[in-house]
Protein backbone atom coordinates (compact mmCIF):
# COMPACT_ATOMS: atom_id res chain seq x y z
CA UNK A 1 18.92 79.26 80.55
CA UNK A 2 21.75 81.74 80.77
CA UNK A 3 21.98 85.51 80.52
CA UNK A 4 19.63 86.63 77.77
CA UNK A 5 20.41 88.93 74.90
CA UNK A 6 20.56 92.59 75.89
CA UNK A 7 20.08 95.53 73.55
CA UNK A 8 23.16 96.91 71.87
CA UNK A 9 22.79 100.14 73.80
CA UNK A 10 24.05 98.27 76.85
CA UNK A 11 27.71 97.15 76.93
CA UNK A 12 -14.85 86.98 82.11
CA UNK A 13 -16.04 86.55 80.89
CA UNK A 14 -15.26 84.50 84.10
CA UNK A 15 -13.28 85.82 87.04
CA UNK A 16 -10.76 83.28 88.20
CA UNK A 17 -8.81 83.34 91.43
CA UNK A 18 -5.37 81.83 90.91
CA UNK A 19 -3.70 79.79 93.60
CA UNK A 20 -0.85 77.38 93.38
CA UNK A 21 -3.22 74.45 93.81
CA UNK A 22 -6.41 75.50 92.05
CA UNK A 23 -6.93 74.37 88.47
CA UNK A 24 -8.98 76.55 86.16
CA UNK A 25 -11.69 75.24 83.92
CA UNK A 26 -11.23 78.09 81.40
CA UNK A 27 -9.82 77.17 78.01
CA UNK A 28 -7.70 80.35 77.78
CA UNK A 29 -4.72 81.84 79.54
CA UNK A 30 -5.17 84.94 81.68
CA UNK A 31 -1.95 86.81 81.02
CA UNK A 32 -0.67 87.59 77.53
CA UNK A 33 2.24 89.97 77.72
CA UNK A 34 5.64 91.38 76.98
CA UNK A 35 8.66 92.60 78.93
CA UNK A 36 9.17 96.36 78.58
CA UNK A 37 12.90 96.57 79.17
CA UNK A 38 14.76 99.74 80.10
CA UNK A 39 14.58 100.51 83.81
CA UNK A 40 17.08 97.73 84.58
CA UNK A 41 19.76 99.24 82.29
CA UNK A 42 23.10 100.58 83.43
CA UNK A 43 24.89 100.88 86.74
CA UNK A 44 23.13 101.81 89.96
CA UNK A 45 24.32 105.44 89.70
CA UNK A 46 23.00 105.86 86.18
CA UNK A 47 21.13 109.00 85.20
CA UNK A 48 17.46 108.66 84.35
CA UNK A 49 16.87 109.36 80.67
CA UNK A 50 20.56 108.92 79.87
CA UNK A 51 21.54 105.52 81.27
CA UNK A 52 18.15 103.97 81.85
CA UNK A 53 14.50 104.61 81.07
CA UNK A 54 10.93 103.55 81.79
CA UNK A 55 8.40 102.79 79.03
CA UNK A 56 6.43 105.64 77.54
CA UNK A 57 2.67 105.81 77.19
CA UNK A 58 3.04 105.41 73.42
CA UNK A 59 4.68 102.03 73.87
CA UNK A 60 2.33 100.92 76.64
CA UNK A 61 -0.76 101.89 74.65
CA UNK A 62 0.52 100.01 71.59
CA UNK A 63 0.65 96.71 73.46
CA UNK A 64 -2.70 97.39 75.08
CA UNK A 65 -4.23 97.86 71.62
CA UNK A 66 -2.67 94.57 70.56
CA UNK A 67 -4.63 92.80 73.29
CA UNK A 68 -1.83 92.25 75.77
CA UNK A 69 -3.01 91.86 79.34
CA UNK A 70 0.26 92.08 81.30
CA UNK A 71 3.53 94.01 81.24
CA UNK A 72 6.55 92.53 82.99
CA UNK A 73 8.44 95.57 84.24
CA UNK A 74 12.16 95.04 84.94
CA UNK A 75 13.95 97.49 87.24
CA UNK A 76 17.19 97.59 89.24
CA UNK A 77 17.03 96.77 92.96
CA UNK A 78 20.05 98.92 93.92
CA UNK A 79 18.53 101.98 92.27
CA UNK A 80 15.23 101.55 94.09
CA UNK A 81 16.87 100.73 97.43
CA UNK A 82 20.32 102.39 97.45
CA UNK A 83 21.21 100.93 100.86
CA UNK A 84 20.28 97.46 102.06
CA UNK A 85 17.82 97.72 104.91
CA UNK A 86 17.22 101.39 104.09
CA UNK A 87 14.25 103.26 102.72
CA UNK A 88 13.34 103.20 99.05
CA UNK A 89 14.56 106.09 96.92
CA UNK A 90 11.72 108.61 96.56
CA UNK A 91 12.42 109.58 92.95
CA UNK A 92 12.90 106.05 91.69
CA UNK A 93 9.87 104.79 93.56
CA UNK A 94 7.79 107.56 92.00
CA UNK A 95 8.97 106.59 88.52
CA UNK A 96 7.98 103.01 89.23
CA UNK A 97 4.60 104.05 90.62
CA UNK A 98 3.92 106.35 87.67
CA UNK A 99 4.68 103.54 85.23
CA UNK A 100 2.48 101.07 87.09
CA UNK A 101 -0.34 103.61 87.07
CA UNK A 102 0.14 104.14 83.33
CA UNK A 103 -0.03 100.41 82.62
CA UNK A 104 -3.14 100.09 84.77
CA UNK A 105 -4.73 103.09 83.04
CA UNK A 106 -4.48 101.08 79.84
CA UNK A 107 -6.23 98.19 81.57
CA UNK A 108 -3.24 95.87 81.69
CA UNK A 109 -1.72 94.09 84.67
CA UNK A 110 1.88 94.70 85.69
CA UNK A 111 4.47 92.26 87.04
CA UNK A 112 7.12 93.96 89.17
CA UNK A 113 10.52 92.42 88.37
CA UNK A 114 13.70 93.24 90.31
CA UNK A 115 16.01 92.31 87.46
CA UNK A 116 19.08 91.41 89.49
CA UNK A 117 19.87 87.75 88.76
CA UNK A 118 20.01 86.94 92.47
CA UNK A 119 22.49 89.67 93.38
CA UNK A 120 22.62 93.10 95.01
CA UNK A 121 25.64 94.85 93.50
CA UNK A 122 28.16 91.99 93.61
CA UNK A 123 26.69 90.34 96.69
CA UNK A 124 24.71 87.17 96.21
CA UNK A 125 21.32 86.97 97.86
CA UNK A 126 21.57 84.86 100.99
CA UNK A 127 25.10 85.97 101.80
CA UNK A 128 26.18 89.04 103.75
CA UNK A 129 25.45 91.85 103.11
CA UNK A 130 22.57 90.73 100.83
CA UNK A 131 21.20 88.35 103.47
CA UNK A 132 17.82 86.70 103.33
CA UNK A 133 16.69 89.24 105.94
CA UNK A 134 17.81 92.08 103.65
CA UNK A 135 15.96 90.52 100.71
CA UNK A 136 12.83 90.13 102.84
CA UNK A 137 13.18 93.74 104.01
CA UNK A 138 13.31 94.96 100.41
CA UNK A 139 10.18 93.05 99.49
CA UNK A 140 8.34 94.20 102.61
CA UNK A 141 9.12 97.84 101.77
CA UNK A 142 8.13 97.43 98.12
CA UNK A 143 5.00 95.48 99.00
CA UNK A 144 3.76 98.24 101.28
CA UNK A 145 3.75 100.58 98.28
CA UNK A 146 1.69 98.25 96.08
CA UNK A 147 -0.13 96.07 98.61
CA UNK A 148 -3.49 94.84 97.37
CA UNK A 149 -3.50 97.07 94.31
CA UNK A 150 -5.61 95.40 91.66
CA UNK A 151 -3.59 94.12 88.73
CA UNK A 152 -0.15 94.26 90.41
CA UNK A 153 1.85 91.02 90.67
CA UNK A 154 5.15 90.48 92.48
CA UNK A 155 8.00 88.61 90.76
CA UNK A 156 10.53 87.80 93.49
CA UNK A 157 13.69 87.99 91.36
CA UNK A 158 14.83 87.72 87.77
CA UNK A 159 16.88 84.60 87.02
CA UNK A 160 18.76 83.73 90.22
CA UNK A 161 21.86 81.76 89.31
CA UNK A 162 24.95 80.26 90.93
CA UNK A 163 22.87 79.87 94.09
CA UNK A 164 22.21 76.35 95.39
CA UNK A 165 18.52 75.55 95.07
CA UNK A 166 18.24 74.85 98.78
CA UNK A 167 19.70 78.29 99.56
CA UNK A 168 17.50 80.03 97.02
CA UNK A 169 14.41 78.38 98.53
CA UNK A 170 15.28 79.93 101.91
CA UNK A 171 15.64 83.37 100.30
CA UNK A 172 12.37 83.02 98.40
CA UNK A 173 10.47 81.93 101.50
CA UNK A 174 11.95 84.83 103.47
CA UNK A 175 10.75 87.29 100.80
CA UNK A 176 7.29 85.71 100.79
CA UNK A 177 7.10 86.06 104.57
CA UNK A 178 8.09 89.72 104.23
CA UNK A 179 5.39 90.34 101.64
CA UNK A 180 2.64 88.67 103.63
CA UNK A 181 3.77 90.25 106.92
CA UNK A 182 2.78 93.70 105.67
CA UNK A 183 -0.66 92.46 104.64
CA UNK A 184 -0.04 92.26 100.88
CA UNK A 185 -2.27 89.64 99.23
CA UNK A 186 -0.86 90.08 95.71
CA UNK A 187 -0.04 87.09 93.54
CA UNK A 188 3.64 86.14 93.89
CA UNK A 189 5.69 84.59 91.08
CA UNK A 190 8.50 82.40 92.37
CA UNK A 191 11.48 81.52 90.15
CA UNK A 192 13.98 78.75 90.67
CA UNK A 193 17.75 78.98 90.62
CA UNK A 194 19.85 78.13 87.52
CA UNK A 195 18.26 81.04 85.64
CA UNK A 196 14.84 79.47 86.33
CA UNK A 197 15.21 77.55 83.09
CA UNK A 198 12.38 75.26 82.10
CA UNK A 199 14.80 72.89 80.35
CA UNK A 200 16.73 72.21 83.56
CA UNK A 201 13.85 72.46 86.02
CA UNK A 202 14.10 68.82 87.08
CA UNK A 203 17.89 68.61 86.79
CA UNK A 204 20.29 69.06 89.69
CA UNK A 205 22.26 71.99 88.30
CA UNK A 206 23.39 73.37 91.65
CA UNK A 207 22.31 72.29 95.12
CA UNK A 208 19.34 70.16 94.05
CA UNK A 209 16.78 70.23 91.25
CA UNK A 210 14.30 73.11 91.23
CA UNK A 211 11.58 70.59 90.51
CA UNK A 212 12.22 68.91 93.85
CA UNK A 213 13.56 71.67 96.10
CA UNK A 214 11.16 74.44 95.06
CA UNK A 215 8.20 72.35 96.11
CA UNK A 216 9.23 73.65 99.52
CA UNK A 217 7.80 77.12 98.80
CA UNK A 218 5.67 78.21 101.74
CA UNK A 219 3.07 80.94 101.35
CA UNK A 220 0.53 81.50 104.14
CA UNK A 221 -2.04 82.51 101.51
CA UNK A 222 -1.14 79.73 99.04
CA UNK A 223 -1.34 82.39 96.33
CA UNK A 224 1.69 81.97 94.12
CA UNK A 225 2.82 80.51 90.82
CA UNK A 226 6.22 79.43 89.51
CA UNK A 227 8.04 81.56 86.96
CA UNK A 228 9.99 79.83 84.19
CA UNK A 229 12.21 81.18 81.41
CA UNK A 230 13.04 79.41 78.17
CA UNK A 231 14.80 80.43 74.94
CA UNK A 232 15.15 78.51 71.70
CA UNK A 233 18.83 78.82 70.76
CA UNK A 234 21.28 75.96 71.15
CA UNK A 235 22.26 76.71 74.75
CA UNK A 236 18.92 78.22 75.91
CA UNK A 237 20.71 81.51 76.60
CA UNK A 238 18.71 83.85 74.37
CA UNK A 239 21.95 85.22 72.93
CA UNK A 240 21.83 83.71 69.43
CA UNK A 241 19.63 84.43 66.42
CA UNK A 242 19.27 80.81 65.33
CA UNK A 243 17.05 78.22 67.00
CA UNK A 244 18.87 74.90 67.02
CA UNK A 245 17.36 74.41 70.47
CA UNK A 246 13.75 74.82 69.37
CA UNK A 247 12.91 71.14 69.88
CA UNK A 248 14.56 71.12 73.30
CA UNK A 249 12.67 74.28 74.25
CA UNK A 250 9.29 72.93 73.21
CA UNK A 251 10.03 69.66 75.01
CA UNK A 252 10.97 71.66 78.11
CA UNK A 253 7.60 73.42 78.14
CA UNK A 254 5.85 70.08 77.69
CA UNK A 255 7.82 68.55 80.57
CA UNK A 256 7.25 71.51 82.90
CA UNK A 257 3.55 71.36 82.06
CA UNK A 258 3.49 67.76 83.24
CA UNK A 259 5.39 68.73 86.41
CA UNK A 260 2.90 71.51 87.17
CA UNK A 261 -0.06 69.18 86.71
CA UNK A 262 1.50 66.38 88.73
CA UNK A 263 2.12 68.72 91.66
CA UNK A 264 -1.07 70.78 91.40
CA UNK A 265 0.85 74.00 90.69
CA UNK A 266 0.57 76.94 88.27
CA UNK A 267 3.23 78.38 85.97
CA UNK A 268 4.05 81.62 84.17
CA UNK A 269 6.58 81.85 81.33
CA UNK A 270 8.24 85.13 82.26
CA UNK A 271 10.76 85.21 79.41
CA UNK A 272 11.01 83.56 76.03
CA UNK A 273 11.92 84.95 72.65
CA UNK A 274 13.55 84.32 69.31
CA UNK A 275 14.29 85.83 65.95
CA UNK A 276 11.93 85.68 62.99
CA UNK A 277 13.37 82.76 61.03
CA UNK A 278 11.09 79.83 60.30
CA UNK A 279 12.52 77.42 62.88
CA UNK A 280 12.24 80.06 65.60
CA UNK A 281 8.68 81.02 64.72
CA UNK A 282 7.58 77.38 64.60
CA UNK A 283 9.15 76.78 68.00
CA UNK A 284 7.49 79.85 69.49
CA UNK A 285 4.14 78.78 68.09
CA UNK A 286 4.45 75.30 69.60
CA UNK A 287 5.42 76.67 73.02
CA UNK A 288 2.50 79.11 73.01
CA UNK A 289 0.06 76.44 71.86
CA UNK A 290 1.20 74.07 74.61
CA UNK A 291 0.53 76.67 77.27
CA UNK A 292 -2.79 77.67 75.75
CA UNK A 293 -3.90 74.04 75.55
CA UNK A 294 -2.97 73.54 79.22
CA UNK A 295 -4.45 76.58 80.92
CA UNK A 296 -5.14 74.43 83.96
CA UNK A 297 -1.37 74.57 84.50
CA UNK A 298 -0.34 77.90 82.93
CA UNK A 299 -1.58 81.38 83.77
CA UNK A 300 0.27 83.14 80.95
CA UNK A 301 3.48 84.50 79.50
CA UNK A 302 5.53 87.62 78.80
CA UNK A 303 7.72 87.79 75.69
CA UNK A 304 11.29 89.15 75.80
CA UNK A 305 11.30 91.94 74.80
CA UNK A 306 10.42 95.48 73.83
CA UNK A 307 11.31 98.98 75.00
CA UNK A 308 12.14 102.34 73.43
CA UNK A 309 15.90 101.84 73.58
CA UNK A 310 15.93 98.47 71.84
CA UNK A 311 17.45 98.98 68.36
CA UNK A 312 15.61 97.95 65.23
CA UNK A 313 18.51 95.60 64.45
CA UNK A 314 17.83 93.50 67.58
CA UNK A 315 16.34 90.25 66.20
CA UNK A 316 14.16 89.49 69.26
CA UNK A 317 12.73 93.00 69.40
CA UNK A 318 8.97 93.58 69.05
CA UNK A 319 9.10 97.30 69.91
CA UNK A 320 6.80 99.22 67.54
CA UNK A 321 8.72 101.35 65.03
CA UNK A 322 8.19 102.93 61.62
CA UNK A 323 8.83 99.55 60.04
CA UNK A 324 6.63 96.54 59.27
CA UNK A 325 5.42 94.76 62.38
CA UNK A 326 7.68 91.93 63.49
CA UNK A 327 6.49 88.39 62.71
CA UNK A 328 6.93 87.51 66.39
CA UNK A 329 4.44 90.23 67.33
CA UNK A 330 1.93 88.98 64.79
CA UNK A 331 2.30 85.49 66.23
CA UNK A 332 1.75 86.71 69.79
CA UNK A 333 -1.32 88.63 68.69
CA UNK A 334 -2.76 85.56 66.97
CA UNK A 335 -2.39 83.54 70.17
CA UNK A 336 -4.33 86.00 72.34
CA UNK A 337 -7.74 84.63 73.23
CA UNK A 338 -10.61 86.82 72.11
CA UNK A 339 -12.25 86.55 75.52
CA UNK A 340 -9.53 85.70 77.96
CA UNK A 341 -10.59 85.11 81.56
CA UNK A 342 -9.83 87.92 84.00
CA UNK A 343 -7.40 86.73 86.67
CA UNK A 344 -7.55 88.06 90.18
CA UNK A 345 -4.10 89.41 91.07
CA UNK A 346 -5.03 90.09 94.69
CA UNK A 347 -6.52 87.29 96.77
CA UNK A 348 -9.76 88.41 98.41
CA UNK A 349 -9.64 88.63 102.19
CA UNK A 350 -11.03 85.61 103.97
CA UNK A 351 -10.22 83.20 101.13
C-alpha cells in the first residue's frame, strides 16, 4: 500500500457492541461506506472553498439513499490544530462539527480521519516537534469535542508510513490514552505502519511486522478495531487504472481475515478502490464477499472515494454526477445487507 490516487484537482435488527475481542453472530457487516474526500486537500494555509472543501448535503444524502451506513471523513491535522499543543482552530472545528452533524442527520455514522500519513507538516509522528505527547494532545482535544456522541468513530491516522512499527505502536497507544483520559468511549480504529496495507500486514516492512507488533495495542476499554487499506493495482498503491494485483489483493483480505480470527480481533477496510474494468470489478466483488462472509472478523468498509471536487474522468470516482452511475457504486449497493445490524459506536458505561 502506497500513496493512493488523488483527484486531478490536487497537484437490528440486533444491536451489537463491538470490541476487539468480541465476535458477532450476525451474518452482515455493520458499516457500509465511502470516503468523502475534500477537507484534506491543499496546504495548511489553504482557503476554504478554494483550496479545500467539505461534502455538501446533496452528496451526503445521495450515499444515505444508497444505503451507506458510514462516511469516512478525511481532514488535515495542521488546519484543525495550527500549532502543536495549541487549541483547535474555531472555524475549522465548526466546519468539521457541521459536517458530522449533517452526516448524522442522514442517519449515517462518521469516521473522523486525520489524513496526514503519520506526519504533521514535515515532522514525523513520534519525533520532535510531532512527539507522541503532541499526538496524544491532539486526540485529547478532538475527543473532547466528540466524546460519546452516538455514531462518531475515531480513526487515529491515515496511512502512517516510514515509521518503524514499534515506534508507531507507541504513538498509537499514546493517542488512545489521550482519548480515554478525557472520558471518550468512542470506537477507535487503529492502523498499522507501512500504509496499513493488508498485503504486508504480516511482513516486516519497517521495524517489525504489523501483525506481530500491533498486537501490543492497549486500550483500557478494549473497544477498538484495526484499520486496513488495500488496492488492486500491481503495487497496491491505488495509482493505476488496471488491476494486475487483484489476486494479491483478494488473497491479502483472506489472510488478514485469518489473522483477525486467530487473534480474536476486528477489522475495518478503510480504503480500497479500483476502476470499472472487469478484472477490477471481480476483485472488488471477491474482497467484499470475503468480508461479508466473515462478519465475525470484519465490521465494515469505506470505499475510496467520492467528493464534489473529484473529476468525472477519475476512474475510481463514485461521486454522483449527471452521468450513468458508476459500476463500482452499483456493486457496493448490491453488497449492502438489507437489514444490517446496528453497531454501537460508543461503549456503554460500566461495560
